[in-house]
Every structure is written in C-alpha cells, then in structure tokens.
N, C-alpha and C. Protein backbone atom coordinates (compact mmCIF):
# COMPACT_ATOMS: atom_id res chain seq x y z
N MET A 1 -23.11 1.36 95.76
CA MET A 1 -23.63 0.81 94.55
C MET A 1 -24.26 1.94 93.73
N SER A 2 -24.03 1.94 92.44
CA SER A 2 -24.52 2.99 91.58
C SER A 2 -25.84 2.60 90.92
N ASP A 3 -26.74 3.58 90.77
CA ASP A 3 -28.00 3.35 90.08
C ASP A 3 -27.91 3.73 88.60
N ALA A 4 -26.70 4.06 88.12
CA ALA A 4 -26.53 4.46 86.73
C ALA A 4 -26.79 3.26 85.81
N PRO A 5 -27.47 3.51 84.68
CA PRO A 5 -27.74 2.41 83.75
C PRO A 5 -26.44 1.89 83.15
N THR A 6 -26.40 0.58 82.95
CA THR A 6 -25.21 0.00 82.35
C THR A 6 -25.26 0.20 80.84
N THR A 7 -24.09 0.39 80.25
CA THR A 7 -24.01 0.54 78.80
C THR A 7 -23.02 -0.49 78.27
N GLU A 8 -23.38 -1.09 77.18
CA GLU A 8 -22.52 -2.01 76.46
C GLU A 8 -22.65 -1.66 74.99
N PRO A 9 -21.66 -2.03 74.18
CA PRO A 9 -21.74 -1.69 72.76
C PRO A 9 -22.79 -2.51 72.01
N CYS A 10 -23.37 -1.88 71.02
CA CYS A 10 -24.28 -2.55 70.10
C CYS A 10 -23.44 -3.49 69.23
N ASP A 11 -23.92 -4.72 69.03
CA ASP A 11 -23.20 -5.67 68.18
C ASP A 11 -23.27 -5.30 66.71
N GLY A 12 -24.19 -4.42 66.36
CA GLY A 12 -24.32 -3.99 64.97
C GLY A 12 -23.39 -2.84 64.61
N CYS A 13 -23.46 -1.76 65.40
CA CYS A 13 -22.70 -0.55 65.05
C CYS A 13 -21.57 -0.23 66.03
N GLY A 14 -21.60 -0.86 67.20
CA GLY A 14 -20.55 -0.63 68.19
C GLY A 14 -20.78 0.54 69.12
N GLU A 15 -21.85 1.29 68.91
CA GLU A 15 -22.14 2.43 69.77
C GLU A 15 -22.63 1.96 71.14
N PRO A 16 -22.26 2.67 72.21
CA PRO A 16 -22.76 2.29 73.54
C PRO A 16 -24.28 2.40 73.59
N THR A 17 -24.91 1.40 74.19
CA THR A 17 -26.36 1.36 74.28
C THR A 17 -26.76 0.96 75.69
N THR A 18 -27.63 1.74 76.31
CA THR A 18 -28.06 1.41 77.67
C THR A 18 -29.02 0.22 77.62
N ASP A 19 -29.10 -0.49 78.73
CA ASP A 19 -29.99 -1.65 78.82
C ASP A 19 -31.43 -1.28 78.48
N ALA A 20 -31.85 -0.10 78.88
CA ALA A 20 -33.24 0.31 78.65
C ALA A 20 -33.57 0.43 77.16
N LEU A 21 -32.58 0.71 76.33
CA LEU A 21 -32.81 0.87 74.89
C LEU A 21 -32.43 -0.36 74.08
N ALA A 22 -31.58 -1.20 74.61
CA ALA A 22 -31.06 -2.34 73.86
C ALA A 22 -32.11 -3.43 73.66
N ARG A 23 -31.99 -4.14 72.56
CA ARG A 23 -32.82 -5.31 72.28
C ARG A 23 -31.87 -6.47 72.04
N THR A 24 -32.23 -7.64 72.55
CA THR A 24 -31.42 -8.83 72.35
C THR A 24 -32.15 -9.75 71.39
N VAL A 25 -31.47 -10.10 70.31
CA VAL A 25 -32.03 -11.00 69.31
C VAL A 25 -31.31 -12.32 69.45
N ARG A 26 -32.08 -13.40 69.64
CA ARG A 26 -31.51 -14.74 69.77
C ARG A 26 -31.98 -15.61 68.62
N LEU A 27 -31.05 -16.30 67.99
CA LEU A 27 -31.38 -17.24 66.93
C LEU A 27 -31.18 -18.64 67.49
N SER A 28 -32.25 -19.42 67.49
CA SER A 28 -32.19 -20.79 67.99
C SER A 28 -32.70 -21.74 66.92
N VAL A 29 -32.05 -22.88 66.82
CA VAL A 29 -32.48 -23.94 65.92
C VAL A 29 -32.61 -25.20 66.76
N ASP A 30 -33.77 -25.83 66.71
CA ASP A 30 -34.03 -27.02 67.52
C ASP A 30 -33.66 -26.77 68.98
N ARG A 31 -34.03 -25.60 69.46
CA ARG A 31 -33.82 -25.16 70.85
C ARG A 31 -32.35 -24.97 71.23
N ALA A 32 -31.45 -25.05 70.28
CA ALA A 32 -30.03 -24.78 70.54
C ALA A 32 -29.73 -23.34 70.14
N ASN A 33 -29.09 -22.57 71.03
CA ASN A 33 -28.76 -21.18 70.75
C ASN A 33 -27.66 -21.12 69.70
N ILE A 34 -27.94 -20.47 68.57
CA ILE A 34 -26.97 -20.35 67.48
C ILE A 34 -26.27 -19.00 67.53
N ASP A 35 -27.03 -17.94 67.83
CA ASP A 35 -26.46 -16.60 67.82
C ASP A 35 -27.28 -15.71 68.74
N THR A 36 -26.62 -14.78 69.41
CA THR A 36 -27.27 -13.78 70.23
C THR A 36 -26.63 -12.44 69.91
N GLN A 37 -27.46 -11.43 69.66
CA GLN A 37 -26.95 -10.09 69.34
C GLN A 37 -27.64 -9.05 70.21
N ARG A 38 -26.86 -8.12 70.73
CA ARG A 38 -27.38 -6.97 71.47
C ARG A 38 -27.38 -5.80 70.49
N LEU A 39 -28.56 -5.22 70.26
CA LEU A 39 -28.69 -4.19 69.24
C LEU A 39 -29.32 -2.92 69.78
N CYS A 40 -28.83 -1.78 69.27
CA CYS A 40 -29.44 -0.49 69.58
C CYS A 40 -30.75 -0.39 68.79
N PRO A 41 -31.61 0.57 69.10
CA PRO A 41 -32.90 0.67 68.40
C PRO A 41 -32.77 0.76 66.86
N GLU A 42 -31.79 1.52 66.37
CA GLU A 42 -31.64 1.68 64.92
C GLU A 42 -31.20 0.36 64.27
N CYS A 43 -30.22 -0.31 64.86
CA CYS A 43 -29.75 -1.58 64.31
C CYS A 43 -30.84 -2.65 64.42
N PHE A 44 -31.63 -2.60 65.50
CA PHE A 44 -32.73 -3.55 65.66
C PHE A 44 -33.76 -3.34 64.55
N ALA A 45 -34.10 -2.10 64.25
CA ALA A 45 -35.05 -1.82 63.17
C ALA A 45 -34.50 -2.34 61.84
N ASP A 46 -33.21 -2.16 61.60
CA ASP A 46 -32.58 -2.68 60.38
C ASP A 46 -32.66 -4.21 60.35
N TRP A 47 -32.43 -4.85 61.50
CA TRP A 47 -32.48 -6.31 61.58
C TRP A 47 -33.87 -6.82 61.25
N ILE A 48 -34.90 -6.18 61.82
CA ILE A 48 -36.28 -6.57 61.55
C ILE A 48 -36.60 -6.43 60.07
N GLU A 49 -36.17 -5.33 59.47
CA GLU A 49 -36.43 -5.10 58.05
C GLU A 49 -35.75 -6.18 57.20
N ARG A 50 -34.49 -6.51 57.51
CA ARG A 50 -33.78 -7.57 56.78
C ARG A 50 -34.50 -8.91 56.95
N TYR A 51 -34.94 -9.20 58.16
CA TYR A 51 -35.64 -10.46 58.44
C TYR A 51 -36.92 -10.55 57.59
N GLN A 52 -37.69 -9.47 57.59
CA GLN A 52 -38.93 -9.47 56.83
C GLN A 52 -38.67 -9.61 55.34
N ASP A 53 -37.62 -8.94 54.84
CA ASP A 53 -37.28 -9.04 53.42
C ASP A 53 -36.87 -10.46 53.05
N ARG A 54 -36.08 -11.10 53.90
CA ARG A 54 -35.57 -12.43 53.59
C ARG A 54 -36.57 -13.54 53.85
N MET A 55 -37.36 -13.41 54.89
CA MET A 55 -38.27 -14.48 55.27
C MET A 55 -39.69 -14.26 54.77
N GLY A 56 -39.97 -13.07 54.31
CA GLY A 56 -41.33 -12.76 53.86
C GLY A 56 -42.21 -12.45 55.04
N SER A 57 -42.90 -11.34 55.00
CA SER A 57 -43.78 -10.99 56.11
C SER A 57 -45.15 -11.60 55.87
N GLY A 58 -45.81 -11.95 56.97
CA GLY A 58 -47.15 -12.48 56.87
C GLY A 58 -47.23 -13.97 56.58
N ARG A 59 -46.09 -14.65 56.51
CA ARG A 59 -46.13 -16.10 56.28
C ARG A 59 -46.59 -16.79 57.54
N ASP A 60 -47.47 -17.75 57.39
CA ASP A 60 -47.93 -18.55 58.51
C ASP A 60 -47.07 -19.80 58.62
N ASP A 61 -46.69 -20.14 59.81
CA ASP A 61 -45.96 -21.37 60.07
C ASP A 61 -46.96 -22.41 60.52
N ALA A 62 -47.22 -23.40 59.70
CA ALA A 62 -48.29 -24.36 59.95
C ALA A 62 -48.16 -25.09 61.29
N ASP A 63 -46.95 -25.47 61.68
CA ASP A 63 -46.82 -26.22 62.93
C ASP A 63 -46.43 -25.36 64.12
N GLY A 64 -46.22 -24.06 63.91
CA GLY A 64 -45.92 -23.16 65.01
C GLY A 64 -44.53 -23.30 65.59
N SER A 65 -43.62 -23.99 64.86
CA SER A 65 -42.30 -24.26 65.42
C SER A 65 -41.32 -23.11 65.21
N SER A 66 -41.63 -22.19 64.33
CA SER A 66 -40.74 -21.07 64.04
C SER A 66 -41.24 -19.83 64.78
N GLU A 67 -40.33 -19.17 65.50
CA GLU A 67 -40.74 -17.96 66.20
C GLU A 67 -39.57 -17.03 66.36
N ILE A 68 -39.86 -15.75 66.52
CA ILE A 68 -38.86 -14.74 66.81
C ILE A 68 -39.06 -14.34 68.26
N ILE A 69 -37.99 -14.39 69.05
CA ILE A 69 -38.06 -13.97 70.44
C ILE A 69 -37.12 -12.79 70.60
N VAL A 70 -37.66 -11.68 71.05
CA VAL A 70 -36.88 -10.47 71.25
C VAL A 70 -37.08 -10.02 72.69
N ASP A 71 -35.98 -9.83 73.40
CA ASP A 71 -36.06 -9.34 74.79
C ASP A 71 -36.17 -7.84 74.80
C-alpha cells in the first residue's frame, strides 16, 4: 500500500490537486445535494470571491437556514 497522496483534477481548472490542498464545495437546497465541486486553492479563492460578490458579504440570515459548508 502506498502512502503517496491521492491527486484528482480540480473541477474548476482541471489541474491535478492533492487531497491536502483540495476544498470541496457542496451546494444543498432543502438538505438535497444540488452540486459538489472539488477545487484547488486558486479556484476555491475565485469561488469565494464570486459568492461574496453575488450574495453580498456580511448579510445576516434571520432564520439561520442558509450556510456555506466547505470541507
């Protein structure tokens, strides 16, 4: 058995990304998984920036039902 880190492509740019560097972004609506993306650090930073631009940063969700979960 090998101790080498596994690499899979980034869903954003396609470059190989080791598990230690990858981030998984999951989009769920009413607890149903809509989309899951494996992203390298650069694509993840771009995703966060796009999210903040589109959703507005600092908005409070009154009922707490909206959340971002990143592995």
